[in-house]
PDB file of N, CA and C in Angstrom:
ATOM      1  N   MET A   1      11.863  -0.976  21.338  1.00  0.00           N
ATOM      2  CA  MET A   1      12.675  -1.946  20.646  1.00  0.00           C
ATOM      3  C   MET A   1      13.125  -1.319  19.334  1.00  0.00           C
ATOM      4  N   LYS A   2      14.398  -1.353  19.068  1.00  0.00           N
ATOM      5  CA  LYS A   2      14.928  -0.783  17.832  1.00  0.00           C
ATOM      6  C   LYS A   2      14.663  -1.724  16.668  1.00  0.00           C
ATOM      7  N   LEU A   3      14.322  -1.112  15.568  1.00  0.00           N
ATOM      8  CA  LEU A   3      14.071  -1.890  14.353  1.00  0.00           C
ATOM      9  C   LEU A   3      15.255  -1.712  13.423  1.00  0.00           C
ATOM     10  N   GLY A   4      16.095  -2.711  13.320  1.00  0.00           N
ATOM     11  CA  GLY A   4      17.241  -2.649  12.440  1.00  0.00           C
ATOM     12  C   GLY A   4      17.011  -3.434  11.165  1.00  0.00           C
ATOM     13  N   VAL A   5      15.900  -4.065  11.069  1.00  0.00           N
ATOM     14  CA  VAL A   5      15.575  -4.870   9.901  1.00  0.00           C
ATOM     15  C   VAL A   5      14.296  -4.350   9.274  1.00  0.00           C
ATOM     16  N   THR A   6      13.926  -4.899   8.207  1.00  0.00           N
ATOM     17  CA  THR A   6      12.749  -4.450   7.481  1.00  0.00           C
ATOM     18  C   THR A   6      11.481  -4.684   8.278  1.00  0.00           C
ATOM     19  N   PHE A   7      10.644  -3.687   8.309  1.00  0.00           N
ATOM     20  CA  PHE A   7       9.372  -3.764   9.018  1.00  0.00           C
ATOM     21  C   PHE A   7       8.247  -3.753   7.989  1.00  0.00           C
ATOM     22  N   LEU A   8       7.375  -4.728   8.094  1.00  0.00           N
ATOM     23  CA  LEU A   8       6.262  -4.814   7.151  1.00  0.00           C
ATOM     24  C   LEU A   8       4.964  -4.745   7.922  1.00  0.00           C
ATOM     25  N   GLY A   9       4.142  -3.823   7.588  1.00  0.00           N
ATOM     26  CA  GLY A   9       2.855  -3.681   8.265  1.00  0.00           C
ATOM     27  C   GLY A   9       1.720  -3.662   7.269  1.00  0.00           C
ATOM     28  N   ILE A  10       0.665  -4.221   7.653  1.00  0.00           N
ATOM     29  CA  ILE A  10      -0.538  -4.190   6.819  1.00  0.00           C
ATOM     30  C   ILE A  10      -1.296  -2.918   7.163  1.00  0.00           C
ATOM     31  N   LEU A  11      -1.606  -2.100   6.183  1.00  0.00           N
ATOM     32  CA  LEU A  11      -2.245  -0.824   6.442  1.00  0.00           C
ATOM     33  C   LEU A  11      -3.758  -0.891   6.483  1.00  0.00           C
ATOM     34  N   CYS A  12      -4.335  -1.779   5.703  1.00  0.00           N
ATOM     35  CA  CYS A  12      -5.803  -1.803   5.661  1.00  0.00           C
ATOM     36  C   CYS A  12      -6.277  -3.176   5.213  1.00  0.00           C
ATOM     37  N   ALA A  13      -7.554  -3.373   5.287  1.00  0.00           N
ATOM     38  CA  ALA A  13      -8.133  -4.645   4.851  1.00  0.00           C
ATOM     39  C   ALA A  13      -7.926  -4.806   3.354  1.00  0.00           C
ATOM     40  N   VAL A  14      -7.902  -6.037   2.903  1.00  0.00           N
ATOM     41  CA  VAL A  14      -7.594  -6.303   1.500  1.00  0.00           C
ATOM     42  C   VAL A  14      -8.635  -5.706   0.569  1.00  0.00           C
ATOM     43  N   ALA A  15      -9.891  -5.997   0.760  1.00  0.00           N
ATOM     44  CA  ALA A  15     -10.913  -5.453  -0.128  1.00  0.00           C
ATOM     45  C   ALA A  15     -12.279  -5.613   0.491  1.00  0.00           C
ATOM     46  N   PRO A  16     -13.190  -4.673   0.242  1.00  0.00           N
ATOM     47  CA  PRO A  16     -14.547  -4.846   0.734  1.00  0.00           C
ATOM     48  C   PRO A  16     -15.273  -5.934  -0.029  1.00  0.00           C
ATOM     49  N   ALA A  17     -16.382  -6.419   0.518  1.00  0.00           N
ATOM     50  CA  ALA A  17     -17.109  -7.548  -0.072  1.00  0.00           C
ATOM     51  C   ALA A  17     -17.625  -7.258  -1.466  1.00  0.00           C
ATOM     52  N   ALA A  18     -17.908  -6.005  -1.789  1.00  0.00           N
ATOM     53  CA  ALA A  18     -18.489  -5.669  -3.091  1.00  0.00           C
ATOM     54  C   ALA A  18     -17.432  -5.420  -4.162  1.00  0.00           C
ATOM     55  N   SER A  19     -16.185  -5.606  -3.862  1.00  0.00           N
ATOM     56  CA  SER A  19     -15.127  -5.314  -4.822  1.00  0.00           C
ATOM     57  C   SER A  19     -14.931  -6.462  -5.800  1.00  0.00           C
ATOM     58  N   PRO A  20     -14.120  -6.229  -6.851  1.00  0.00           N
ATOM     59  CA  PRO A  20     -13.827  -7.305  -7.799  1.00  0.00           C
ATOM     60  C   PRO A  20     -13.125  -8.495  -7.168  1.00  0.00           C
ATOM     61  N   ALA A  21     -12.483  -8.307  -6.002  1.00  0.00           N
ATOM     62  CA  ALA A  21     -11.816  -9.423  -5.333  1.00  0.00           C
ATOM     63  C   ALA A  21     -12.820 -10.500  -4.931  1.00  0.00           C
ATOM     64  N   ALA A  22     -14.070 -10.090  -4.693  1.00  0.00           N
ATOM     65  CA  ALA A  22     -15.096 -11.059  -4.303  1.00  0.00           C
ATOM     66  C   ALA A  22     -15.424 -12.004  -5.458  1.00  0.00           C
ATOM     67  N   GLU A  23     -15.130 -11.591  -6.685  1.00  0.00           N
ATOM     68  CA  GLU A  23     -15.408 -12.415  -7.855  1.00  0.00           C
ATOM     69  C   GLU A  23     -14.288 -13.422  -8.132  1.00  0.00           C
ATOM     70  N   ARG A  24     -13.145 -13.248  -7.482  1.00  0.00           N
ATOM     71  CA  ARG A  24     -12.019 -14.162  -7.664  1.00  0.00           C
ATOM     72  C   ARG A  24     -12.171 -15.360  -6.743  1.00  0.00           C
ATOM     73  N   SER A  25     -11.521 -16.441  -7.149  1.00  0.00           N
ATOM     74  CA  SER A  25     -11.443 -17.588  -6.246  1.00  0.00           C
ATOM     75  C   SER A  25     -10.414 -17.263  -5.171  1.00  0.00           C
ATOM     76  N   ALA A  26     -10.428 -18.024  -4.104  1.00  0.00           N
ATOM     77  CA  ALA A  26      -9.465 -17.809  -3.021  1.00  0.00           C
ATOM     78  C   ALA A  26      -8.041 -17.968  -3.534  1.00  0.00           C
ATOM     79  N   ARG A  27      -7.819 -18.917  -4.403  1.00  0.00           N
ATOM     80  CA  ARG A  27      -6.470 -19.145  -4.939  1.00  0.00           C
ATOM     81  C   ARG A  27      -6.013 -17.980  -5.804  1.00  0.00           C
ATOM     82  N   GLU A  28      -6.922 -17.428  -6.618  1.00  0.00           N
ATOM     83  CA  GLU A  28      -6.563 -16.281  -7.463  1.00  0.00           C
ATOM     84  C   GLU A  28      -6.235 -15.062  -6.609  1.00  0.00           C
ATOM     85  N   THR A  29      -6.998 -14.856  -5.544  1.00  0.00           N
ATOM     86  CA  THR A  29      -6.722 -13.744  -4.634  1.00  0.00           C
ATOM     87  C   THR A  29      -5.373 -13.931  -3.954  1.00  0.00           C
ATOM     88  N   TYR A  30      -5.107 -15.138  -3.498  1.00  0.00           N
ATOM     89  CA  TYR A  30      -3.818 -15.448  -2.862  1.00  0.00           C
ATOM     90  C   TYR A  30      -2.661 -15.185  -3.834  1.00  0.00           C
ATOM     91  N   ASP A  31      -2.795 -15.656  -5.052  1.00  0.00           N
ATOM     92  CA  ASP A  31      -1.731 -15.459  -6.046  1.00  0.00           C
ATOM     93  C   ASP A  31      -1.526 -13.974  -6.355  1.00  0.00           C
ATOM     94  N   ALA A  32      -2.621 -13.220  -6.452  1.00  0.00           N
ATOM     95  CA  ALA A  32      -2.512 -11.788  -6.727  1.00  0.00           C
ATOM     96  C   ALA A  32      -1.824 -11.062  -5.575  1.00  0.00           C
ATOM     97  N   LEU A  33      -2.166 -11.399  -4.332  1.00  0.00           N
ATOM     98  CA  LEU A  33      -1.522 -10.782  -3.178  1.00  0.00           C
ATOM     99  C   LEU A  33      -0.056 -11.185  -3.077  1.00  0.00           C
ATOM    100  N   ASN A  34       0.232 -12.431  -3.389  1.00  0.00           N
ATOM    101  CA  ASN A  34       1.602 -12.923  -3.334  1.00  0.00           C
ATOM    102  C   ASN A  34       2.486 -12.267  -4.394  1.00  0.00           C
ATOM    103  N   ALA A  35       1.879 -11.805  -5.479  1.00  0.00           N
ATOM    104  CA  ALA A  35       2.630 -11.183  -6.566  1.00  0.00           C
ATOM    105  C   ALA A  35       2.903  -9.698  -6.329  1.00  0.00           C
ATOM    106  N   LEU A  36       2.336  -9.112  -5.275  1.00  0.00           N
ATOM    107  CA  LEU A  36       2.552  -7.688  -5.011  1.00  0.00           C
ATOM    108  C   LEU A  36       4.017  -7.414  -4.731  1.00  0.00           C
ATOM    109  N   ARG A  37       4.500  -6.314  -5.267  1.00  0.00           N
ATOM    110  CA  ARG A  37       5.882  -5.884  -5.072  1.00  0.00           C
ATOM    111  C   ARG A  37       5.889  -4.402  -4.730  1.00  0.00           C
ATOM    112  N   VAL A  38       7.029  -3.902  -4.328  1.00  0.00           N
ATOM    113  CA  VAL A  38       7.186  -2.487  -4.024  1.00  0.00           C
ATOM    114  C   VAL A  38       6.976  -1.679  -5.300  1.00  0.00           C
ATOM    115  N   ASP A  39       6.198  -0.604  -5.180  1.00  0.00           N
ATOM    116  CA  ASP A  39       5.951   0.296  -6.302  1.00  0.00           C
ATOM    117  C   ASP A  39       7.102   1.301  -6.375  1.00  0.00           C
ATOM    118  N   PRO A  40       7.914   1.268  -7.434  1.00  0.00           N
ATOM    119  CA  PRO A  40       9.083   2.161  -7.519  1.00  0.00           C
ATOM    120  C   PRO A  40       8.720   3.648  -7.494  1.00  0.00           C
ATOM    121  N   ALA A  41       7.493   3.991  -7.833  1.00  0.00           N
ATOM    122  CA  ALA A  41       7.069   5.395  -7.821  1.00  0.00           C
ATOM    123  C   ALA A  41       6.664   5.858  -6.425  1.00  0.00           C
ATOM    124  N   LYS A  42       6.596   4.947  -5.470  1.00  0.00           N
ATOM    125  CA  LYS A  42       6.143   5.289  -4.120  1.00  0.00           C
ATOM    126  C   LYS A  42       7.177   4.909  -3.071  1.00  0.00           C
ATOM    127  N   ILE A  43       8.390   5.396  -3.261  1.00  0.00           N
ATOM    128  CA  ILE A  43       9.481   5.174  -2.307  1.00  0.00           C
ATOM    129  C   ILE A  43       9.866   6.529  -1.734  1.00  0.00           C
ATOM    130  N   TYR A  44       9.898   6.628  -0.396  1.00  0.00           N
ATOM    131  CA  TYR A  44      10.138   7.901   0.273  1.00  0.00           C
ATOM    132  C   TYR A  44      11.225   7.751   1.329  1.00  0.00           C
ATOM    133  N   GLN A  45      12.064   8.779   1.450  1.00  0.00           N
ATOM    134  CA  GLN A  45      13.123   8.812   2.451  1.00  0.00           C
ATOM    135  C   GLN A  45      12.619   9.546   3.688  1.00  0.00           C
ATOM    136  N   VAL A  46      12.967   9.035   4.865  1.00  0.00           N
ATOM    137  CA  VAL A  46      12.646   9.686   6.135  1.00  0.00           C
ATOM    138  C   VAL A  46      13.969  10.073   6.779  1.00  0.00           C
ATOM    139  N   LYS A  47      14.115  11.359   7.068  1.00  0.00           N
ATOM    140  CA  LYS A  47      15.321  11.847   7.726  1.00  0.00           C
ATOM    141  C   LYS A  47      14.992  12.102   9.196  1.00  0.00           C
ATOM    142  N   ALA A  48      16.007  12.185  10.020  1.00  0.00           N
ATOM    143  CA  ALA A  48      15.808  12.385  11.455  1.00  0.00           C
ATOM    144  C   ALA A  48      14.982  13.640  11.737  1.00  0.00           C
ATOM    145  N   SER A  49      15.136  14.677  10.926  1.00  0.00           N
ATOM    146  CA  SER A  49      14.372  15.909  11.130  1.00  0.00           C
ATOM    147  C   SER A  49      12.900  15.744  10.754  1.00  0.00           C
ATOM    148  N   ASP A  50      12.571  14.684   9.992  1.00  0.00           N
ATOM    149  CA  ASP A  50      11.194  14.425   9.549  1.00  0.00           C
ATOM    150  C   ASP A  50      10.591  13.226  10.261  1.00  0.00           C
ATOM    151  N   ARG A  51      10.976  13.003  11.492  1.00  0.00           N
ATOM    152  CA  ARG A  51      10.519  11.827  12.250  1.00  0.00           C
ATOM    153  C   ARG A  51       9.005  11.649  12.133  1.00  0.00           C
ATOM    154  N   ILE A  52       8.577  10.397  11.932  1.00  0.00           N
ATOM    155  CA  ILE A  52       7.164  10.065  11.788  1.00  0.00           C
ATOM    156  C   ILE A  52       6.758   9.173  12.956  1.00  0.00           C
ATOM    157  N   GLU A  53       5.615   9.494  13.580  1.00  0.00           N
ATOM    158  CA  GLU A  53       5.070   8.661  14.651  1.00  0.00           C
ATOM    159  C   GLU A  53       3.661   8.239  14.296  1.00  0.00           C
ATOM    160  N   LEU A  54       3.370   6.955  14.494  1.00  0.00           N
ATOM    161  CA  LEU A  54       2.027   6.419  14.316  1.00  0.00           C
ATOM    162  C   LEU A  54       1.574   5.854  15.649  1.00  0.00           C
ATOM    163  N   ASN A  55       0.441   6.344  16.145  1.00  0.00           N
ATOM    164  CA  ASN A  55      -0.114   5.883  17.411  1.00  0.00           C
ATOM    165  C   ASN A  55      -1.482   5.278  17.163  1.00  0.00           C
ATOM    166  N   ARG A  56      -1.686   4.100  17.710  1.00  0.00           N
ATOM    167  CA  ARG A  56      -2.984   3.434  17.579  1.00  0.00           C
ATOM    168  C   ARG A  56      -3.204   2.623  18.855  1.00  0.00           C
ATOM    169  N   ALA A  57      -4.189   3.026  19.654  1.00  0.00           N
ATOM    170  CA  ALA A  57      -4.504   2.356  20.907  1.00  0.00           C
ATOM    171  C   ALA A  57      -3.234   2.248  21.761  1.00  0.00           C
ATOM    172  N   ASP A  58      -2.779   1.042  22.058  1.00  0.00           N
ATOM    173  CA  ASP A  58      -1.608   0.842  22.906  1.00  0.00           C
ATOM    174  C   ASP A  58      -0.338   0.594  22.114  1.00  0.00           C
ATOM    175  N   LEU A  59      -0.339   0.921  20.826  1.00  0.00           N
ATOM    176  CA  LEU A  59       0.843   0.728  19.978  1.00  0.00           C
ATOM    177  C   LEU A  59       1.380   2.071  19.508  1.00  0.00           C
ATOM    178  N   ARG A  60       2.695   2.176  19.481  1.00  0.00           N
ATOM    179  CA  ARG A  60       3.341   3.380  18.952  1.00  0.00           C
ATOM    180  C   ARG A  60       4.524   2.950  18.091  1.00  0.00           C
ATOM    181  N   PHE A  61       4.539   3.411  16.864  1.00  0.00           N
ATOM    182  CA  PHE A  61       5.657   3.193  15.958  1.00  0.00           C
ATOM    183  C   PHE A  61       6.270   4.552  15.660  1.00  0.00           C
ATOM    184  N   SER A  62       7.576   4.650  15.777  1.00  0.00           N
ATOM    185  CA  SER A  62       8.263   5.877  15.390  1.00  0.00           C
ATOM    186  C   SER A  62       9.358   5.510  14.398  1.00  0.00           C
ATOM    187  N   PHE A  63       9.403   6.260  13.322  1.00  0.00           N
ATOM    188  CA  PHE A  63      10.360   6.026  12.239  1.00  0.00           C
ATOM    189  C   PHE A  63      11.277   7.236  12.174  1.00  0.00           C
ATOM    190  N   GLU A  64      12.561   7.015  12.446  1.00  0.00           N
ATOM    191  CA  GLU A  64      13.491   8.129  12.605  1.00  0.00           C
ATOM    192  C   GLU A  64      14.365   8.366  11.383  1.00  0.00           C
ATOM    193  N   ASP A  65      14.817   7.329  10.762  1.00  0.00           N
ATOM    194  CA  ASP A  65      15.730   7.502   9.634  1.00  0.00           C
ATOM    195  C   ASP A  65      15.670   6.248   8.773  1.00  0.00           C
ATOM    196  N   GLY A  66      15.318   6.374   7.514  1.00  0.00           N
ATOM    197  CA  GLY A  66      15.241   5.201   6.661  1.00  0.00           C
ATOM    198  C   GLY A  66      14.421   5.439   5.416  1.00  0.00           C
ATOM    199  N   THR A  67      13.848   4.361   4.910  1.00  0.00           N
ATOM    200  CA  THR A  67      13.108   4.403   3.657  1.00  0.00           C
ATOM    201  C   THR A  67      11.769   3.704   3.798  1.00  0.00           C
ATOM    202  N   PHE A  68      10.704   4.370   3.354  1.00  0.00           N
ATOM    203  CA  PHE A  68       9.376   3.779   3.240  1.00  0.00           C
ATOM    204  C   PHE A  68       9.165   3.409   1.786  1.00  0.00           C
ATOM    205  N   ALA A  69       8.634   2.220   1.552  1.00  0.00           N
ATOM    206  CA  ALA A  69       8.294   1.801   0.192  1.00  0.00           C
ATOM    207  C   ALA A  69       6.911   1.155   0.244  1.00  0.00           C
ATOM    208  N   PHE A  70       5.958   1.752  -0.462  1.00  0.00           N
ATOM    209  CA  PHE A  70       4.595   1.230  -0.480  1.00  0.00           C
ATOM    210  C   PHE A  70       4.473   0.137  -1.517  1.00  0.00           C
ATOM    211  N   LEU A  71       3.668  -0.877  -1.205  1.00  0.00           N
ATOM    212  CA  LEU A  71       3.417  -1.942  -2.166  1.00  0.00           C
ATOM    213  C   LEU A  71       2.514  -1.420  -3.276  1.00  0.00           C
ATOM    214  N   SER A  72       2.564  -2.067  -4.421  1.00  0.00           N
ATOM    215  CA  SER A  72       1.658  -1.696  -5.505  1.00  0.00           C
ATOM    216  C   SER A  72       0.231  -1.971  -5.053  1.00  0.00           C
ATOM    217  N   SER A  73      -0.719  -1.303  -5.666  1.00  0.00           N
ATOM    218  CA  SER A  73      -2.097  -1.417  -5.197  1.00  0.00           C
ATOM    219  C   SER A  73      -2.735  -2.737  -5.621  1.00  0.00           C
ATOM    220  N   PHE A  74      -3.706  -3.152  -4.834  1.00  0.00           N
ATOM    221  CA  PHE A  74      -4.491  -4.349  -5.097  1.00  0.00           C
ATOM    222  C   PHE A  74      -5.944  -3.913  -5.130  1.00  0.00           C
ATOM    223  N   ASP A  75      -6.586  -4.027  -6.259  1.00  0.00           N
ATOM    224  CA  ASP A  75      -7.959  -3.552  -6.450  1.00  0.00           C
ATOM    225  C   ASP A  75      -8.101  -2.089  -6.060  1.00  0.00           C
ATOM    226  N   GLY A  76      -7.093  -1.294  -6.400  1.00  0.00           N
ATOM    227  CA  GLY A  76      -7.148   0.138  -6.154  1.00  0.00           C
ATOM    228  C   GLY A  76      -6.816   0.574  -4.739  1.00  0.00           C
ATOM    229  N   ARG A  77      -6.373  -0.348  -3.885  1.00  0.00           N
ATOM    230  CA  ARG A  77      -6.053  -0.018  -2.501  1.00  0.00           C
ATOM    231  C   ARG A  77      -4.638  -0.467  -2.166  1.00  0.00           C
ATOM    232  N   VAL A  78      -3.928   0.376  -1.431  1.00  0.00           N
ATOM    233  CA  VAL A  78      -2.600   0.003  -0.938  1.00  0.00           C
ATOM    234  C   VAL A  78      -2.794  -0.915   0.258  1.00  0.00           C
ATOM    235  N   THR A  79      -2.125  -2.057   0.247  1.00  0.00           N
ATOM    236  CA  THR A  79      -2.313  -3.038   1.315  1.00  0.00           C
ATOM    237  C   THR A  79      -1.114  -3.180   2.242  1.00  0.00           C
ATOM    238  N   GLY A  80      -0.014  -2.509   1.946  1.00  0.00           N
ATOM    239  CA  GLY A  80       1.134  -2.664   2.823  1.00  0.00           C
ATOM    240  C   GLY A  80       2.243  -1.681   2.517  1.00  0.00           C
ATOM    241  N   VAL A  81       3.170  -1.615   3.449  1.00  0.00           N
ATOM    242  CA  VAL A  81       4.320  -0.741   3.329  1.00  0.00           C
ATOM    243  C   VAL A  81       5.519  -1.452   3.960  1.00  0.00           C
ATOM    244  N   VAL A  82       6.686  -1.192   3.420  1.00  0.00           N
ATOM    245  CA  VAL A  82       7.924  -1.748   3.954  1.00  0.00           C
ATOM    246  C   VAL A  82       8.761  -0.581   4.465  1.00  0.00           C
ATOM    247  N   PHE A  83       9.287  -0.697   5.683  1.00  0.00           N
ATOM    248  CA  PHE A  83      10.192   0.313   6.212  1.00  0.00           C
ATOM    249  C   PHE A  83      11.521  -0.347   6.502  1.00  0.00           C
ATOM    250  N   SER A  84      12.583   0.270   6.032  1.00  0.00           N
ATOM    251  CA  SER A  84      13.934  -0.208   6.305  1.00  0.00           C
ATOM    252  C   SER A  84      14.717   0.969   6.862  1.00  0.00           C
ATOM    253  N   GLY A  85      15.199   0.824   8.086  1.00  0.00           N
ATOM    254  CA  GLY A  85      15.940   1.918   8.687  1.00  0.00           C
ATOM    255  C   GLY A  85      15.925   1.830  10.196  1.00  0.00           C
ATOM    256  N   ARG A  86      15.978   3.002  10.842  1.00  0.00           N
ATOM    257  CA  ARG A  86      16.023   3.068  12.305  1.00  0.00           C
ATOM    258  C   ARG A  86      14.697   3.591  12.830  1.00  0.00           C
ATOM    259  N   GLY A  87      14.156   2.872  13.802  1.00  0.00           N
ATOM    260  CA  GLY A  87      12.894   3.282  14.405  1.00  0.00           C
ATOM    261  C   GLY A  87      12.648   2.513  15.682  1.00  0.00           C
ATOM    262  N   HIS A  88      11.478   2.723  16.254  1.00  0.00           N
ATOM    263  CA  HIS A  88      11.099   2.060  17.496  1.00  0.00           C
ATOM    264  C   HIS A  88       9.670   1.563  17.400  1.00  0.00           C
ATOM    265  N   ALA A  89       9.396   0.485  18.103  1.00  0.00           N
ATOM    266  CA  ALA A  89       8.032  -0.031  18.243  1.00  0.00           C
ATOM    267  C   ALA A  89       7.789  -0.221  19.730  1.00  0.00           C
ATOM    268  N   LEU A  90       6.676   0.327  20.234  1.00  0.00           N
ATOM    269  CA  LEU A  90       6.346   0.229  21.643  1.00  0.00           C
ATOM    270  C   LEU A  90       4.921  -0.276  21.776  1.00  0.00           C
ATOM    271  N   ALA A  91       4.753  -1.353  22.539  1.00  0.00           N
ATOM    272  CA  ALA A  91       3.428  -1.902  22.807  1.00  0.00           C
ATOM    273  C   ALA A  91       3.214  -1.872  24.309  1.00  0.00           C
ATOM    274  N   ALA A  92       2.248  -1.090  24.749  1.00  0.00           N
ATOM    275  CA  ALA A  92       1.908  -1.000  26.163  1.00  0.00           C
ATOM    276  C   ALA A  92       0.598  -1.740  26.366  1.00  0.00           C
ATOM    277  N   LEU A  93       0.694  -3.024  26.625  1.00  0.00           N
ATOM    278  CA  LEU A  93      -0.490  -3.847  26.752  1.00  0.00           C
ATOM    279  C   LEU A  93      -1.174  -3.616  28.092  1.00  0.00           C
ATOM    280  N   ALA A  94      -2.493  -3.574  28.050  1.00  0.00           N
ATOM    281  CA  ALA A  94      -3.262  -3.346  29.259  1.00  0.00           C
ATOM    282  C   ALA A  94      -3.227  -4.588  30.150  1.00  0.00           C
ATOM    283  N   ASP A  95      -3.355  -4.371  31.442  1.00  0.00           N
ATOM    284  CA  ASP A  95      -3.406  -5.452  32.403  1.00  0.00           C
ATOM    285  C   ASP A  95      -4.719  -6.220  32.219  1.00  0.00           C
ATOM    286  N   ALA A  96      -4.651  -7.529  32.095  1.00  0.00           N
ATOM    287  CA  ALA A  96      -5.841  -8.352  31.868  1.00  0.00           C
ATOM    288  C   ALA A  96      -6.843  -8.205  33.002  1.00  0.00           C
ATOM    289  N   ALA A  97      -6.373  -8.012  34.222  1.00  0.00           N
ATOM    290  CA  ALA A  97      -7.269  -7.904  35.372  1.00  0.00           C
ATOM    291  C   ALA A  97      -8.132  -6.648  35.294  1.00  0.00           C
ATOM    292  N   SER A  98      -7.676  -5.624  34.596  1.00  0.00           N
ATOM    293  CA  SER A  98      -8.460  -4.391  34.507  1.00  0.00           C
ATOM    294  C   SER A  98      -9.682  -4.538  33.607  1.00  0.00           C
ATOM    295  N   HIS A  99      -9.772  -5.630  32.850  1.00  0.00           N
ATOM    296  CA  HIS A  99     -10.886  -5.847  31.941  1.00  0.00           C
ATOM    297  C   HIS A  99     -11.916  -6.825  32.505  1.00  0.00           C
ATOM    298  N   ILE A 100     -11.740  -7.274  33.728  1.00  0.00           N
ATOM    299  CA  ILE A 100     -12.686  -8.214  34.332  1.00  0.00           C
ATOM    300  C   ILE A 100     -13.833  -7.424  34.941  1.00  0.00           C
ATOM    301  N   ALA A 101     -15.049  -7.752  34.528  1.00  0.00           N
ATOM    302  CA  ALA A 101     -16.235  -7.059  35.050  1.00  0.00           C
ATOM    303  C   ALA A 101     -16.691  -7.715  36.348  1.00  0.00           C
ATOM    304  N   CYS A 102     -17.046  -6.909  37.301  1.00  0.00           N
ATOM    305  CA  CYS A 102     -17.561  -7.418  38.573  1.00  0.00           C
ATOM    306  C   CYS A 102     -19.082  -7.566  38.466  1.00  0.00           C
ATOM    307  N   PRO A 103     -19.648  -8.670  39.018  1.00  0.00           N
ATOM    308  CA  PRO A 103     -21.108  -8.858  38.928  1.00  0.00           C
ATOM    309  C   PRO A 103     -21.878  -7.868  39.771  1.00  0.00           C
TER     310      PRO A 103
END
């Protein structure tokens, strides 16, 4: 499937239990996450010659031409990235019947 619009993916969990986020209320954490914006120092161009592929289990994302912009960090961790440009997303879901165990 071609991606002609902005793609937003979550890269990692928000914060481990021992982080300062655990000291915030749920509302404060929500407000802090909602306030995240693109970090102007972390914007990168992807050209067709620099194609990027990410493979994870049955998912494959390929980014062919466009712009990556990382969100500002939250408690020292990057929590997301925005891609705008041309790429593909492929999900090859396993057949449900193949996961049924026989007694």
